[in-house]
N, C-alpha and C. Protein backbone atom coordinates (compact mmCIF):
# COMPACT_ATOMS: atom_id res chain seq x y z
N MET A 1 122.65 37.10 82.34
CA MET A 1 121.25 37.67 82.82
C MET A 1 121.32 38.77 83.65
N ARG A 2 121.97 38.47 84.55
CA ARG A 2 121.93 39.66 86.12
C ARG A 2 122.00 40.62 85.63
N TYR A 3 122.66 40.78 84.07
CA TYR A 3 123.03 42.38 83.25
C TYR A 3 121.58 42.61 83.40
N HIS A 4 120.67 41.79 82.60
CA HIS A 4 119.52 42.22 81.95
C HIS A 4 118.51 42.31 83.02
N LEU A 5 118.42 41.73 84.37
CA LEU A 5 117.45 41.53 85.56
C LEU A 5 117.89 43.28 85.56
N LYS A 6 118.85 43.64 85.83
CA LYS A 6 119.42 44.91 86.67
C LYS A 6 118.75 46.01 85.45
N THR A 7 119.15 45.71 84.70
CA THR A 7 118.66 47.24 83.46
C THR A 7 117.30 47.21 83.12
N VAL A 8 116.73 45.94 83.59
CA VAL A 8 114.94 46.28 83.47
C VAL A 8 114.69 46.72 84.98
N PHE A 9 115.40 46.49 86.04
CA PHE A 9 114.95 46.50 87.22
C PHE A 9 114.94 47.97 86.83
N TRP A 10 115.97 48.95 86.68
CA TRP A 10 116.14 50.52 86.22
C TRP A 10 115.75 51.18 85.37
N ILE A 11 114.96 50.40 84.76
CA ILE A 11 113.86 50.90 83.02
C ILE A 11 112.47 50.97 84.37
N ILE A 12 112.40 49.90 85.15
CA ILE A 12 110.71 50.50 85.78
C ILE A 12 111.20 51.08 86.72
N ILE A 13 111.60 51.46 87.22
CA ILE A 13 112.17 52.94 87.93
C ILE A 13 111.90 54.02 87.39
N LEU A 14 112.57 54.12 86.73
CA LEU A 14 112.90 55.11 85.85
C LEU A 14 110.95 55.63 85.54
N PHE A 15 110.55 54.24 84.71
CA PHE A 15 109.16 54.50 83.91
C PHE A 15 108.58 54.96 85.27
N LEU A 16 108.24 53.95 86.28
CA LEU A 16 107.61 54.57 87.27
C LEU A 16 107.45 56.24 88.18
N GLY A 17 108.95 56.42 88.05
CA GLY A 17 109.38 57.88 88.55
C GLY A 17 108.96 58.94 87.43
N CYS A 18 108.60 58.51 86.23
CA CYS A 18 108.11 59.75 85.22
C CYS A 18 106.74 59.61 85.44
N GLN A 19 106.22 58.43 85.27
CA GLN A 19 105.21 58.27 85.66
C GLN A 19 104.11 59.48 87.04
N LYS A 20 105.22 59.16 88.34
CA LYS A 20 104.92 59.90 89.19
C LYS A 20 105.24 61.47 88.63
N GLY A 21 105.58 61.77 88.44
CA GLY A 21 105.93 63.38 87.56
C GLY A 21 104.98 64.07 86.83
N LEU A 22 104.38 62.93 86.03
CA LEU A 22 103.29 63.31 84.82
C LEU A 22 101.94 63.39 85.75
N ALA A 23 101.85 62.60 86.99
CA ALA A 23 100.66 63.00 87.79
C ALA A 23 100.19 64.64 87.60
N VAL A 24 98.93 65.15 87.25
CA VAL A 24 98.41 66.07 87.68
C VAL A 24 98.02 65.74 89.21
N MET A 25 98.97 67.14 90.08
CA MET A 25 98.10 67.55 91.02
C MET A 25 96.65 68.39 90.91
N GLY A 26 96.64 68.64 92.33
CA GLY A 26 95.15 69.32 92.62
C GLY A 26 95.29 70.00 93.77
N LEU A 27 94.97 71.18 94.32
CA LEU A 27 94.98 71.51 95.51
C LEU A 27 95.03 70.91 96.46
N TYR A 28 94.24 69.90 96.58
CA TYR A 28 93.95 69.02 97.93
C TYR A 28 95.11 67.74 97.98
N ASP A 29 96.19 67.89 97.34
CA ASP A 29 97.19 67.19 97.09
C ASP A 29 98.13 67.88 98.14
N TYR A 30 98.24 69.09 98.48
CA TYR A 30 99.04 69.94 99.54
C TYR A 30 99.16 69.74 100.70
N THR A 31 100.06 69.71 101.33
CA THR A 31 100.17 70.42 103.05
C THR A 31 100.90 71.60 103.23
N VAL A 32 99.73 71.94 103.99
CA VAL A 32 100.54 73.82 104.03
C VAL A 32 100.52 74.32 105.65
N LYS A 33 101.13 75.03 106.25
CA LYS A 33 100.96 75.05 107.72
C LYS A 33 99.89 76.19 108.16
N SER A 34 99.14 75.94 108.93
CA SER A 34 98.20 76.74 109.80
C SER A 34 98.42 77.67 109.88
N ILE A 35 97.80 78.90 110.75
CA ILE A 35 98.48 80.03 111.29
C ILE A 35 99.10 79.67 112.20
N ASP A 36 98.71 78.66 113.05
CA ASP A 36 99.04 78.42 114.22
C ASP A 36 100.41 77.60 113.94
N GLY A 37 100.67 77.40 112.41
CA GLY A 37 102.06 76.98 112.55
C GLY A 37 102.13 75.06 112.54
N LYS A 38 100.72 74.72 112.62
CA LYS A 38 100.49 73.17 112.65
C LYS A 38 100.59 72.70 110.71
N ASN A 39 100.87 71.47 110.77
CA ASN A 39 100.55 70.65 109.52
C ASN A 39 99.25 70.67 109.11
N ALA A 40 98.95 71.55 107.80
CA ALA A 40 97.00 71.67 107.51
C ALA A 40 96.97 70.72 106.24
N PRO A 41 97.11 69.39 106.33
CA PRO A 41 96.84 68.84 104.67
C PRO A 41 95.45 69.22 104.49
N LEU A 42 95.51 69.92 102.87
CA LEU A 42 94.64 70.31 102.58
C LEU A 42 93.26 69.47 101.93
N VAL A 43 93.79 68.35 101.65
CA VAL A 43 93.09 67.05 101.48
C VAL A 43 91.57 66.78 102.47
N GLN A 44 91.55 67.57 103.51
CA GLN A 44 90.59 67.86 104.57
C GLN A 44 89.58 68.53 104.05
N PHE A 45 89.41 69.39 102.90
CA PHE A 45 88.76 70.02 101.94
C PHE A 45 88.28 69.17 100.65
N LYS A 46 88.71 68.14 100.60
CA LYS A 46 88.52 67.18 99.33
C LYS A 46 86.71 67.49 98.96
N GLY A 47 86.36 67.54 98.04
CA GLY A 47 85.28 67.35 97.98
C GLY A 47 84.27 68.67 98.13
N LYS A 48 84.84 69.91 98.26
CA LYS A 48 84.63 71.06 98.60
C LYS A 48 85.25 71.88 97.38
N VAL A 49 83.99 73.11 97.34
CA VAL A 49 84.38 74.20 96.42
C VAL A 49 85.36 74.87 97.72
N ALA A 50 86.39 75.48 97.06
CA ALA A 50 87.73 76.72 97.87
C ALA A 50 87.76 77.68 97.20
N LEU A 51 87.23 78.52 97.79
CA LEU A 51 87.88 79.95 97.40
C LEU A 51 89.34 80.41 97.61
N VAL A 52 90.02 80.28 97.31
CA VAL A 52 91.64 80.47 97.86
C VAL A 52 92.24 82.30 97.49
N VAL A 53 92.50 82.74 98.54
CA VAL A 53 92.85 84.36 98.65
C VAL A 53 93.89 84.43 99.37
N ASN A 54 94.48 85.46 98.38
CA ASN A 54 96.07 86.15 99.24
C ASN A 54 95.53 86.95 100.09
N THR A 55 95.66 87.08 101.13
CA THR A 55 95.07 88.16 102.08
C THR A 55 96.32 89.38 102.76
N ALA A 56 95.88 90.24 103.08
CA ALA A 56 96.75 91.44 103.75
C ALA A 56 96.10 92.37 104.59
N SER A 57 96.66 92.72 105.82
CA SER A 57 95.81 93.37 106.52
C SER A 57 95.65 95.00 106.48
N GLN A 58 96.57 95.56 105.95
CA GLN A 58 96.80 97.03 105.65
C GLN A 58 96.79 97.11 104.35
N CYS A 59 95.70 96.92 103.21
CA CYS A 59 95.41 97.07 102.12
C CYS A 59 94.04 97.50 102.16
N GLY A 60 93.98 98.58 100.67
CA GLY A 60 92.57 98.97 100.96
C GLY A 60 91.28 97.78 100.23
N TYR A 61 91.81 96.89 99.98
CA TYR A 61 91.15 95.77 99.85
C TYR A 61 90.53 94.92 101.11
N THR A 62 91.42 95.19 102.18
CA THR A 62 91.25 94.35 103.58
C THR A 62 89.87 94.26 104.01
N PRO A 63 88.89 95.24 103.94
CA PRO A 63 87.61 95.46 104.23
C PRO A 63 86.69 94.09 103.34
N GLN A 64 87.54 93.49 102.36
CA GLN A 64 86.79 91.94 101.76
C GLN A 64 86.89 90.97 102.59
N TYR A 65 87.59 90.95 104.02
CA TYR A 65 87.37 89.96 104.66
C TYR A 65 85.98 90.03 105.15
N LYS A 66 85.36 90.95 105.51
CA LYS A 66 83.91 90.69 105.94
C LYS A 66 83.17 90.17 104.54
N ASP A 67 83.40 90.83 103.52
CA ASP A 67 82.83 89.83 102.52
C ASP A 67 82.79 88.17 102.30
N LEU A 68 84.13 88.26 102.42
CA LEU A 68 84.55 86.59 102.28
C LEU A 68 83.78 85.87 103.67
N GLU A 69 83.92 86.61 104.63
CA GLU A 69 83.10 85.80 105.67
C GLU A 69 81.66 85.47 105.47
N ALA A 70 81.05 86.61 105.26
CA ALA A 70 79.55 86.57 104.64
C ALA A 70 79.40 85.23 103.76
N LEU A 71 80.34 85.47 102.83
CA LEU A 71 80.18 84.21 101.26
C LEU A 71 80.66 82.70 101.93
N TYR A 72 81.23 82.72 103.32
CA TYR A 72 81.66 81.55 103.42
C TYR A 72 80.26 81.03 104.54
N GLN A 73 80.02 81.89 105.49
CA GLN A 73 78.56 81.33 106.23
C GLN A 73 77.25 81.37 105.08
N LYS A 74 77.33 81.71 104.10
CA LYS A 74 76.25 81.90 102.78
C LYS A 74 75.87 80.41 102.73
N TYR A 75 77.53 79.53 102.42
CA TYR A 75 77.30 78.77 101.23
C TYR A 75 78.33 77.47 102.00
N LYS A 76 78.31 77.62 102.97
CA LYS A 76 79.64 76.94 104.05
C LYS A 76 78.62 75.56 103.92
N ASP A 77 77.65 75.43 104.24
CA ASP A 77 76.81 74.15 104.45
C ASP A 77 76.27 73.40 103.19
N GLN A 78 76.58 74.42 102.08
CA GLN A 78 76.54 73.83 100.91
C GLN A 78 77.83 73.34 99.94
N GLY A 79 79.40 73.52 100.78
CA GLY A 79 80.09 72.77 100.14
C GLY A 79 81.50 74.02 100.10
N LEU A 80 81.13 74.90 100.81
CA LEU A 80 82.35 76.07 100.49
C LEU A 80 83.01 76.40 101.39
N VAL A 81 84.70 76.20 101.05
CA VAL A 81 85.64 77.01 101.97
C VAL A 81 85.93 77.95 101.64
N VAL A 82 86.66 78.92 102.45
CA VAL A 82 87.08 80.00 102.04
C VAL A 82 88.56 79.57 102.62
N LEU A 83 89.53 80.04 101.96
CA LEU A 83 91.20 79.06 102.49
C LEU A 83 92.11 80.90 102.27
N ALA A 84 92.47 81.32 103.46
CA ALA A 84 93.35 82.51 103.36
C ALA A 84 94.76 82.05 103.70
N PHE A 85 95.38 82.83 102.78
CA PHE A 85 96.78 82.57 102.60
C PHE A 85 97.41 84.35 103.15
N PRO A 86 98.10 84.90 104.13
CA PRO A 86 98.48 85.97 104.06
C PRO A 86 99.85 85.84 103.28
N SER A 87 100.18 87.42 102.74
CA SER A 87 100.97 87.58 102.44
C SER A 87 101.67 88.87 102.53
N ASN A 88 102.93 89.30 102.58
CA ASN A 88 103.56 90.20 102.27
C ASN A 88 104.16 90.77 101.21
N ASP A 89 104.17 90.55 100.38
CA ASP A 89 104.43 90.68 99.05
C ASP A 89 103.95 91.92 98.09
N PHE A 90 103.24 92.49 98.87
CA PHE A 90 102.72 93.74 98.12
C PHE A 90 102.31 95.15 98.89
N GLY A 91 103.50 95.93 98.84
CA GLY A 91 103.59 97.04 99.60
C GLY A 91 103.97 96.85 100.65
N GLY A 92 104.42 95.67 101.43
CA GLY A 92 104.21 95.54 102.73
C GLY A 92 103.34 95.65 103.35
N GLN A 93 102.44 95.55 103.14
CA GLN A 93 100.87 95.56 104.07
C GLN A 93 100.30 94.41 104.56
N GLU A 94 101.07 93.29 104.50
CA GLU A 94 100.71 92.42 105.76
C GLU A 94 102.11 92.40 106.91
N PRO A 95 102.54 93.27 107.50
CA PRO A 95 103.97 93.19 108.11
C PRO A 95 103.65 92.71 109.44
N GLY A 96 102.34 91.98 109.66
CA GLY A 96 102.55 91.36 111.56
C GLY A 96 102.78 89.93 111.06
N THR A 97 103.12 89.11 112.50
CA THR A 97 103.38 87.97 113.04
C THR A 97 101.99 87.13 112.44
N ASN A 98 102.33 85.87 112.17
CA ASN A 98 101.02 84.79 111.92
C ASN A 98 100.17 85.26 113.20
N ALA A 99 100.45 85.56 114.62
CA ALA A 99 99.73 85.56 115.52
C ALA A 99 98.59 86.88 115.47
N GLU A 100 99.54 87.89 114.96
CA GLU A 100 99.12 88.86 114.95
C GLU A 100 97.92 89.29 113.83
N VAL A 101 98.32 88.30 112.55
CA VAL A 101 96.94 88.44 111.72
C VAL A 101 96.22 87.55 111.69
N LYS A 102 96.02 86.73 112.75
CA LYS A 102 95.00 85.77 113.33
C LYS A 102 94.06 86.58 113.90
N LYS A 103 94.82 87.56 115.40
CA LYS A 103 94.28 88.44 115.87
C LYS A 103 93.26 89.18 115.64
N PHE A 104 93.71 90.15 114.33
CA PHE A 104 93.34 91.14 113.50
C PHE A 104 92.00 90.39 112.89
N CYS A 105 92.25 89.37 111.96
CA CYS A 105 91.11 88.94 111.43
C CYS A 105 89.98 87.88 112.40
N GLU A 106 90.46 87.97 113.34
CA GLU A 106 89.06 87.34 114.24
C GLU A 106 88.58 88.54 114.98
N MET A 107 89.40 89.63 115.52
CA MET A 107 88.49 90.66 116.03
C MET A 107 87.92 91.44 115.46
N LYS A 108 88.66 91.95 114.14
CA LYS A 108 88.03 93.04 113.18
C LYS A 108 86.57 92.32 112.64
N PHE A 109 87.28 91.11 112.16
CA PHE A 109 86.06 90.96 110.92
C PHE A 109 85.53 89.84 111.01
N LYS A 110 85.42 88.89 112.68
CA LYS A 110 85.14 87.84 113.34
C LYS A 110 85.06 86.68 112.23
N THR A 111 86.35 86.72 111.55
CA THR A 111 86.57 85.61 110.65
C THR A 111 86.78 83.89 111.42
N THR A 112 85.84 83.16 110.73
CA THR A 112 85.79 81.73 111.24
C THR A 112 86.51 80.64 110.25
N PHE A 113 86.53 81.16 108.78
CA PHE A 113 87.07 80.33 107.57
C PHE A 113 88.99 80.17 108.01
N PRO A 114 89.27 79.08 107.08
CA PRO A 114 90.78 78.75 107.56
C PRO A 114 91.79 79.75 107.24
N LEU A 115 93.06 79.99 108.07
CA LEU A 115 93.55 80.79 108.06
C LEU A 115 95.07 80.32 107.81
N PHE A 116 95.93 80.33 106.67
CA PHE A 116 97.45 79.99 106.78
C PHE A 116 98.43 80.88 107.08
N SER A 117 99.54 80.17 107.26
CA SER A 117 100.57 80.87 107.81
C SER A 117 101.09 81.73 106.56
N LYS A 118 101.56 82.96 106.88
CA LYS A 118 102.22 84.35 106.04
C LYS A 118 103.15 83.60 105.14
N ASN A 119 103.28 83.72 103.83
CA ASN A 119 104.18 83.26 102.87
C ASN A 119 103.74 84.23 101.87
N PRO A 120 105.20 83.92 100.84
CA PRO A 120 104.98 84.48 99.83
C PRO A 120 104.01 83.60 98.57
N VAL A 121 103.17 84.28 98.11
CA VAL A 121 102.42 84.13 96.69
C VAL A 121 102.97 84.43 95.47
N LYS A 122 104.07 85.28 95.09
CA LYS A 122 104.71 85.18 94.16
C LYS A 122 106.01 85.59 94.11
N GLY A 123 106.78 85.51 92.94
CA GLY A 123 108.11 85.32 92.79
C GLY A 123 108.89 83.83 92.87
N THR A 124 110.25 84.10 92.97
CA THR A 124 110.68 82.56 93.21
C THR A 124 110.60 82.05 94.74
N GLU A 125 110.17 82.94 95.25
CA GLU A 125 109.85 81.90 96.72
C GLU A 125 108.65 81.54 96.87
N LYS A 126 107.85 82.12 96.34
CA LYS A 126 106.41 81.75 96.32
C LYS A 126 106.05 80.04 96.84
N GLN A 127 105.39 80.20 97.66
CA GLN A 127 104.63 78.57 98.38
C GLN A 127 104.28 77.73 97.08
N GLU A 128 104.12 76.74 97.45
CA GLU A 128 103.87 75.32 96.43
C GLU A 128 102.49 75.70 96.23
N VAL A 129 101.71 75.59 96.99
CA VAL A 129 100.19 76.18 96.81
C VAL A 129 100.15 77.00 95.50
N TYR A 130 100.62 78.21 95.73
CA TYR A 130 100.69 79.10 94.53
C TYR A 130 101.60 78.80 93.55
N LYS A 131 102.52 78.01 93.61
CA LYS A 131 103.02 77.62 92.32
C LYS A 131 101.90 77.10 91.60
N PHE A 132 101.19 75.91 92.31
CA PHE A 132 99.76 75.46 91.48
C PHE A 132 99.24 76.24 90.77
N LEU A 133 98.99 77.26 91.49
CA LEU A 133 97.29 78.13 91.24
C LEU A 133 97.84 78.60 90.38
N THR A 134 99.24 78.93 90.21
CA THR A 134 99.62 80.23 89.29
C THR A 134 100.32 79.82 88.33
N GLU A 135 100.51 78.36 87.88
CA GLU A 135 101.71 77.43 86.86
C GLU A 135 100.90 76.62 86.41
N GLY A 136 100.53 75.97 87.30
CA GLY A 136 99.62 74.61 87.22
C GLY A 136 98.18 74.43 86.65
N SER A 137 97.53 75.64 86.68
CA SER A 137 96.41 75.67 85.98
C SER A 137 96.17 75.69 84.67
N ASP A 138 94.76 75.83 84.14
CA ASP A 138 94.73 75.92 82.75
C ASP A 138 95.62 77.24 82.40
N LYS A 139 96.09 77.32 81.06
CA LYS A 139 97.24 78.58 80.30
C LYS A 139 96.12 79.92 80.79
N SER A 140 95.13 80.19 80.31
CA SER A 140 94.00 81.19 80.48
C SER A 140 94.00 81.41 82.06
N LEU A 141 94.60 80.96 83.03
CA LEU A 141 94.29 81.21 84.40
C LEU A 141 95.66 81.18 85.26
N GLN A 142 96.77 81.08 84.34
CA GLN A 142 97.98 81.04 84.94
C GLN A 142 98.38 82.87 85.04
N GLY A 143 99.51 82.91 85.67
CA GLY A 143 100.25 84.32 86.06
C GLY A 143 100.65 84.23 87.14
N GLU A 144 101.48 85.43 87.39
CA GLU A 144 101.56 85.79 88.77
C GLU A 144 100.45 86.79 89.61
N VAL A 145 100.31 86.89 90.62
CA VAL A 145 99.12 87.10 91.49
C VAL A 145 99.65 89.12 91.28
N GLY A 146 98.62 89.31 90.99
CA GLY A 146 98.90 90.81 90.87
C GLY A 146 98.88 91.64 92.42
N TRP A 147 98.08 91.28 92.90
CA TRP A 147 97.95 92.00 94.49
C TRP A 147 97.15 91.30 95.32
N ASN A 148 97.24 92.12 96.40
CA ASN A 148 96.56 91.54 97.50
C ASN A 148 94.87 91.16 97.50
N PHE A 149 94.46 89.67 97.72
CA PHE A 149 93.19 89.51 97.53
C PHE A 149 92.42 89.24 96.10
N GLU A 150 93.72 88.69 95.53
CA GLU A 150 93.28 87.65 94.18
C GLU A 150 92.83 86.54 94.86
N LYS A 151 91.54 86.00 94.02
CA LYS A 151 90.79 84.83 94.27
C LYS A 151 91.19 83.70 93.07
N PHE A 152 91.10 82.92 94.05
CA PHE A 152 90.34 81.19 93.17
C PHE A 152 90.04 80.53 93.09
N VAL A 153 89.03 80.12 92.35
CA VAL A 153 87.77 79.23 93.01
C VAL A 153 88.31 77.83 92.46
N ILE A 154 88.70 77.10 93.31
CA ILE A 154 88.65 75.67 92.84
C ILE A 154 87.26 74.40 93.40
N ASN A 155 87.21 73.94 92.42
CA ASN A 155 86.32 72.80 92.33
C ASN A 155 86.42 71.52 93.18
N LYS A 156 85.85 70.58 93.31
CA LYS A 156 85.48 69.55 94.49
C LYS A 156 86.56 68.73 94.10
N ASP A 157 87.11 68.74 92.62
CA ASP A 157 88.15 67.77 92.53
C ASP A 157 89.95 68.54 92.83
N GLY A 158 89.43 69.69 93.07
CA GLY A 158 91.10 70.25 93.55
C GLY A 158 91.72 70.97 92.49
N LYS A 159 90.70 71.55 91.56
CA LYS A 159 91.15 72.17 90.31
C LYS A 159 90.91 73.34 90.42
N VAL A 160 91.53 74.10 89.98
CA VAL A 160 91.24 75.69 89.80
C VAL A 160 90.55 76.24 88.40
N VAL A 161 89.32 76.47 88.49
CA VAL A 161 87.88 76.74 87.53
C VAL A 161 87.85 77.96 87.27
N ALA A 162 88.12 79.30 88.06
CA ALA A 162 88.17 80.46 87.59
C ALA A 162 89.36 81.64 88.69
N ARG A 163 89.26 82.38 88.02
CA ARG A 163 90.13 83.53 88.71
C ARG A 163 89.77 84.74 88.82
N PHE A 164 89.96 85.46 89.68
CA PHE A 164 89.16 86.71 89.70
C PHE A 164 90.34 87.55 90.68
N LYS A 165 90.57 89.13 89.98
CA LYS A 165 91.24 89.95 90.27
C LYS A 165 90.87 90.53 91.67
N SER A 166 91.68 91.35 92.22
CA SER A 166 91.46 91.96 93.88
C SER A 166 90.12 92.75 93.83
N GLY A 167 89.94 93.73 93.22
CA GLY A 167 88.67 94.70 92.87
C GLY A 167 87.59 94.04 92.88
N VAL A 168 87.55 92.67 92.37
CA VAL A 168 86.01 91.92 92.39
C VAL A 168 85.41 91.45 93.66
N THR A 169 84.64 91.83 94.26
CA THR A 169 84.04 91.75 95.53
C THR A 169 83.54 90.75 95.58
N PRO A 170 83.69 89.75 96.72
CA PRO A 170 83.08 88.39 97.07
C PRO A 170 81.38 87.99 97.04
N LEU A 171 80.97 89.30 97.44
CA LEU A 171 79.45 89.08 97.29
C LEU A 171 78.83 89.77 96.14
N GLY A 172 77.83 89.07 95.57
CA GLY A 172 76.84 90.10 94.71
C GLY A 172 77.73 90.26 93.05
N SER A 173 78.83 89.17 92.93
CA SER A 173 79.44 89.40 91.82
C SER A 173 79.34 88.63 90.62
N GLU A 174 80.19 88.48 89.95
CA GLU A 174 80.77 87.15 89.19
C GLU A 174 81.32 86.05 89.67
N LEU A 175 82.09 86.25 90.99
CA LEU A 175 82.52 85.51 91.73
C LEU A 175 81.70 84.90 92.48
N GLU A 176 80.64 85.29 93.07
CA GLU A 176 79.67 84.62 93.66
C GLU A 176 78.81 83.80 92.99
N THR A 177 78.33 84.32 91.24
CA THR A 177 78.03 83.30 90.48
C THR A 177 78.77 81.87 90.03
N LYS A 178 79.63 82.10 90.12
CA LYS A 178 80.73 81.11 89.43
C LYS A 178 81.09 80.40 90.81
N ILE A 179 80.63 80.62 92.12
CA ILE A 179 80.94 79.77 93.20
C ILE A 179 79.68 78.87 93.05
N GLN A 180 78.50 79.35 93.07
CA GLN A 180 77.08 78.78 92.76
C GLN A 180 76.68 77.86 91.93
N GLU A 181 77.95 78.20 90.58
CA GLU A 181 77.88 77.00 89.63
C GLU A 181 78.61 76.03 90.11
N THR A 182 79.75 76.38 90.64
CA THR A 182 80.40 75.33 90.75
C THR A 182 80.34 74.15 92.25
N LEU A 183 79.23 75.02 93.01
CA LEU A 183 78.73 74.17 93.97
C LEU A 183 77.60 72.85 93.64
N LYS A 184 77.22 72.93 92.32
CA LYS A 184 76.21 72.30 91.72
C LYS A 184 77.05 71.13 91.43
């Protein structure tokens, strides 16, 4: 009898472990580091539409910070949040420290949307959020990030619903249209 109870116990533990592994994660299930190095649970944005962007201060697309801020201001009261993840993965175009990145964004572009700690967004060292974005979404949206300022639209439940290349501007484009649709 003891042997059977032990076996049943381990079967239940294995089953529950497998069930947990099968659970589909969403963006809002992750905790990341803020630009100031503090834990930032993304659950705080659950129920909002998120625009996740990998950013860099010395890139030809860096002026998009201005449009990202304008987009954020335009739609934040409707439930949009822009989440910026600085990365030095592409051409060494984000060489500064987190403090330097924060100062640059606030001084040059007057950004008010959340910035997170500088981390990889591609390759074997990419941060968990970017593993989710590039590997855990619909197959048509998967694949490595190609360059700075690639954008992911996340619905209120934390699922990736669209992906836009670096050259797609935040305002007056199919990106803004997709955000409007997702906010409804």
